[in-house]
Protein backbone atom coordinates (compact mmCIF):
# COMPACT_ATOMS: atom_id res chain seq x y z
CA MET A 1 12.66 -12.63 -10.74
CA GLN A 2 11.05 -15.02 -8.26
CA LYS A 3 7.40 -14.00 -7.65
CA ILE A 4 6.32 -14.06 -3.99
CA VAL A 5 3.11 -12.75 -2.54
CA LEU A 6 3.12 -10.48 0.51
CA ALA A 7 0.41 -11.54 2.90
CA SER A 8 -0.59 -7.97 3.76
CA GLY A 9 -2.36 -4.97 2.33
CA ASN A 10 -0.27 -2.57 4.31
CA ALA A 11 1.39 -0.23 1.79
CA GLY A 12 4.13 0.83 4.22
CA LYS A 13 5.21 -2.75 4.84
CA LEU A 14 5.24 -3.44 1.08
CA VAL A 15 7.54 -0.54 0.42
CA GLU A 16 9.96 -1.51 3.17
CA LEU A 17 10.11 -5.17 2.28
CA ARG A 18 10.33 -4.55 -1.45
CA ALA A 19 13.33 -2.22 -0.89
CA ILE A 20 15.35 -5.01 0.61
CA LEU A 21 14.01 -8.07 -1.31
CA SER A 22 14.30 -6.52 -4.79
CA GLN A 23 18.07 -6.54 -4.37
CA LYS A 24 17.85 -10.33 -4.22
CA GLY A 25 15.87 -10.75 -7.44
CA ILE A 26 12.50 -11.20 -5.65
CA ASN A 27 9.38 -9.61 -7.16
CA LEU A 28 7.16 -9.05 -4.07
CA ILE A 29 3.47 -8.62 -4.91
CA SER A 30 0.81 -7.43 -2.50
CA GLN A 31 -1.98 -9.98 -1.90
CA SER A 32 -4.47 -7.19 -2.70
CA GLU A 33 -3.28 -7.45 -6.38
CA TYR A 34 -4.79 -10.99 -6.31
CA ASN A 35 -7.94 -9.80 -4.60
CA VAL A 36 -6.99 -11.67 -1.42
CA SER A 37 -8.52 -10.13 1.66
CA ASP A 38 -6.96 -10.09 5.07
CA VAL A 39 -7.52 -13.17 7.18
CA GLU A 40 -8.55 -12.94 10.82
CA GLU A 41 -5.52 -13.01 13.14
CA THR A 42 -6.51 -15.44 15.77
CA GLY A 43 -3.05 -16.34 17.06
CA LEU A 44 -1.82 -15.56 20.53
CA CYS A 45 1.67 -14.48 19.47
CA PHE A 46 3.45 -12.84 16.51
CA VAL A 47 4.67 -16.17 15.12
CA GLU A 48 1.14 -17.71 15.02
CA ASN A 49 -0.40 -14.70 13.38
CA ALA A 50 2.46 -14.55 10.67
CA LEU A 51 1.88 -18.24 9.90
CA ILE A 52 -1.87 -17.74 9.61
CA LYS A 53 -1.48 -14.83 7.21
CA ALA A 54 1.17 -16.59 5.06
CA ARG A 55 -0.75 -19.85 4.75
CA HIS A 56 -3.92 -17.94 3.76
CA ALA A 57 -2.05 -16.08 0.99
CA CYS A 58 -0.56 -19.35 -0.32
CA VAL A 59 -3.93 -21.04 -0.40
CA GLU A 60 -5.59 -18.13 -2.19
CA THR A 61 -2.82 -17.43 -4.78
CA GLY A 62 -0.98 -20.72 -5.22
CA LEU A 63 2.32 -18.79 -4.81
CA PRO A 64 4.96 -18.78 -2.10
CA ALA A 65 4.16 -16.25 0.53
CA ILE A 66 5.92 -13.97 3.06
CA ALA A 67 3.99 -12.68 6.08
CA ASP A 68 5.14 -10.13 8.68
CA ASP A 69 3.56 -9.76 12.00
CA SER A 70 4.94 -7.00 14.14
CA GLY A 71 4.16 -4.59 16.84
CA ILE A 72 5.46 -2.59 19.70
CA GLU A 73 5.91 -3.73 23.37
CA VAL A 74 5.79 -1.12 26.09
CA ASP A 75 7.26 -2.17 29.34
CA ALA A 76 5.11 0.13 31.56
CA LEU A 77 2.07 -1.42 29.94
CA ASP A 78 3.17 -5.07 30.56
CA GLY A 79 4.07 -5.51 26.88
CA GLU A 80 0.90 -3.92 25.43
CA PRO A 81 -0.17 -3.32 22.72
CA GLY A 82 1.92 -6.25 21.40
CA ILE A 83 0.10 -8.42 18.83
CA TYR A 84 -2.78 -5.94 19.03
CA SER A 85 -0.64 -2.95 17.92
CA ALA A 86 -2.40 -2.44 14.63
CA ARG A 87 -5.78 -2.34 16.33
CA TYR A 88 -4.86 -0.93 19.70
CA ALA A 89 -7.55 1.77 19.56
CA GLY A 90 -10.07 -0.57 18.05
CA ALA A 91 -10.26 1.22 14.65
CA SER A 92 -9.03 0.28 11.17
CA GLY A 93 -8.67 2.33 8.09
CA PRO A 94 -6.92 5.69 7.27
CA THR A 95 -7.10 7.12 10.88
CA ALA A 96 -5.87 3.97 12.62
CA ASP A 97 -2.27 5.11 13.08
CA LYS A 98 -3.26 8.46 14.59
CA ASP A 99 -5.88 6.80 16.85
CA ASN A 100 -3.40 4.19 18.02
CA ASN A 101 -0.73 6.73 18.78
CA ALA A 102 -3.27 8.92 20.61
CA LYS A 103 -4.26 6.04 22.81
CA LEU A 104 -0.67 5.05 23.56
CA LEU A 105 0.17 8.65 24.61
CA LYS A 106 -2.95 8.75 26.82
CA GLU A 107 -2.00 5.39 28.52
CA LEU A 108 1.55 6.65 29.15
CA LYS A 109 0.55 10.21 30.28
CA SER A 110 1.78 9.81 33.80
CA ILE A 111 4.93 7.66 32.94
CA VAL A 112 8.26 9.43 33.22
CA GLN A 113 10.87 9.27 30.45
CA ALA A 114 13.07 6.66 32.12
CA GLU A 115 10.15 4.20 32.44
CA ARG A 116 8.92 4.59 28.78
CA THR A 117 11.11 1.81 27.45
CA ALA A 118 9.78 -0.11 24.51
CA ARG A 119 10.69 -2.20 21.54
CA PHE A 120 9.45 -3.06 18.13
CA GLN A 121 9.19 -6.79 17.42
CA CYS A 122 8.87 -8.33 14.03
CA VAL A 123 8.41 -11.89 12.89
CA ILE A 124 8.69 -12.74 9.15
CA VAL A 125 7.56 -16.09 7.87
CA TYR A 126 8.22 -17.60 4.43
CA LEU A 127 6.14 -20.52 3.13
CA ARG A 128 7.02 -22.27 -0.11
CA HIS A 129 3.48 -23.52 -0.41
CA ALA A 130 0.34 -23.77 1.73
CA LYS A 131 1.36 -27.20 3.21
CA ASP A 132 5.01 -26.30 3.78
CA PRO A 133 6.02 -28.42 6.85
CA MET A 134 9.17 -26.40 7.44
CA PRO A 135 8.54 -22.58 7.11
CA LEU A 136 11.35 -20.08 7.56
CA ILE A 137 10.68 -18.03 10.72
CA CYS A 138 12.87 -15.03 11.40
CA GLN A 139 12.69 -12.47 14.10
CA GLY A 140 14.09 -8.93 14.76
CA THR A 141 13.97 -6.58 17.77
CA TRP A 142 14.53 -2.83 17.83
CA GLU A 143 14.97 -1.19 21.31
CA GLY A 144 13.89 2.30 22.17
CA ARG A 145 11.36 4.27 24.16
CA ILE A 146 8.14 6.13 23.68
CA LEU A 147 8.25 9.85 23.12
CA PHE A 148 5.81 12.39 24.70
CA GLU A 149 4.68 13.67 21.34
CA GLU A 150 4.91 12.67 17.72
CA SER A 151 7.94 13.66 15.57
CA GLY A 152 8.75 13.19 11.93
CA SER A 153 6.88 12.41 8.78
CA ASN A 154 8.52 9.22 7.51
CA GLY A 155 7.36 5.68 8.15
CA PHE A 156 3.99 4.59 9.50
CA GLY A 157 2.30 3.16 12.61
CA TYR A 158 4.05 4.06 15.87
CA ASP A 159 7.24 5.43 14.10
CA PRO A 160 6.48 9.07 15.16
CA LEU A 161 6.51 8.06 18.78
CA PHE A 162 9.39 5.54 18.84
CA TYR A 163 12.60 7.23 19.99
CA VAL A 164 15.82 5.65 18.63
CA PRO A 165 18.72 6.14 21.07
CA THR A 166 21.41 5.35 18.50
CA HIS A 167 20.28 8.25 16.24
CA ASP A 168 18.71 10.52 18.89
CA CYS A 169 15.41 10.95 16.94
CA ALA A 170 12.11 9.40 16.31
CA SER A 171 11.90 6.44 13.89
CA ALA A 172 9.81 8.71 11.65
CA ASP A 173 12.71 11.23 11.43
CA LEU A 174 14.89 8.61 9.88
CA SER A 175 15.25 8.21 6.03
CA PRO A 176 13.89 4.93 4.70
CA LYS A 177 17.41 3.72 3.93
CA VAL A 178 18.59 4.29 7.46
CA LYS A 179 15.43 2.81 8.98
CA ASN A 180 15.69 -0.35 6.88
CA SER A 181 19.27 -0.79 8.03
CA ILE A 182 18.52 -0.86 11.75
CA SER A 183 14.76 -1.54 12.16
CA HIS A 184 13.11 -4.76 13.54
CA ARG A 185 11.75 -5.52 10.07
CA GLY A 186 15.07 -4.98 8.44
CA GLN A 187 16.83 -7.28 10.91
CA ALA A 188 14.23 -9.98 10.39
CA LEU A 189 14.47 -9.67 6.62
CA ARG A 190 18.26 -9.87 6.53
CA HIS A 191 18.08 -13.00 8.77
CA LEU A 192 15.58 -14.44 6.28
CA LEU A 193 17.86 -13.77 3.30
CA LYS A 194 20.73 -15.53 5.12
CA CYS A 195 18.57 -18.57 5.72
CA TRP A 196 17.10 -18.66 2.26
CA ASN A 197 20.17 -20.11 0.59
CA SER A 198 20.18 -23.10 2.88
CA HIS A 199 16.44 -23.73 2.69
CA PRO A 200 15.73 -26.82 0.54
């Protein structure tokens, strides 16, 4: 199997990405297994941050790297939290997801259902090596809206608050298999796999 490092320590992302990439003979290994710490995300968009993370992982491990940068855009908040989704409430660690969701609900407290439209965005970058001049960059978008309270126990991040119209439930109510088949990350990954074969 081809060995590729995932430029993230996020366990939820690792599970989702492995589930799809393992079918293609790819052994995805978290950068934490190489004692690689997270790099500061100084980019101003998802693409920039994904490239920063992938290049850092390549430099530190000498392996090809995949990085995902994703987040949720809420129309009523002019696209926030966007690239700051993971640190929306300012905290990191085990309570970050709960804190972020609580802040989002507070910000949308007076917003009616019809105006709570939102979407998950995901950019996935693949670098063959640290100086790769032509990285693969693939993107996926998942449309929905923000619920008034959390629902479901699957997934991570904003999944308990993200309503999926096609399935009439929260993302966190979906099985991992169903989520991977329709999510922003699943879309970006399938696009990446299609591009892989033609990438020199």
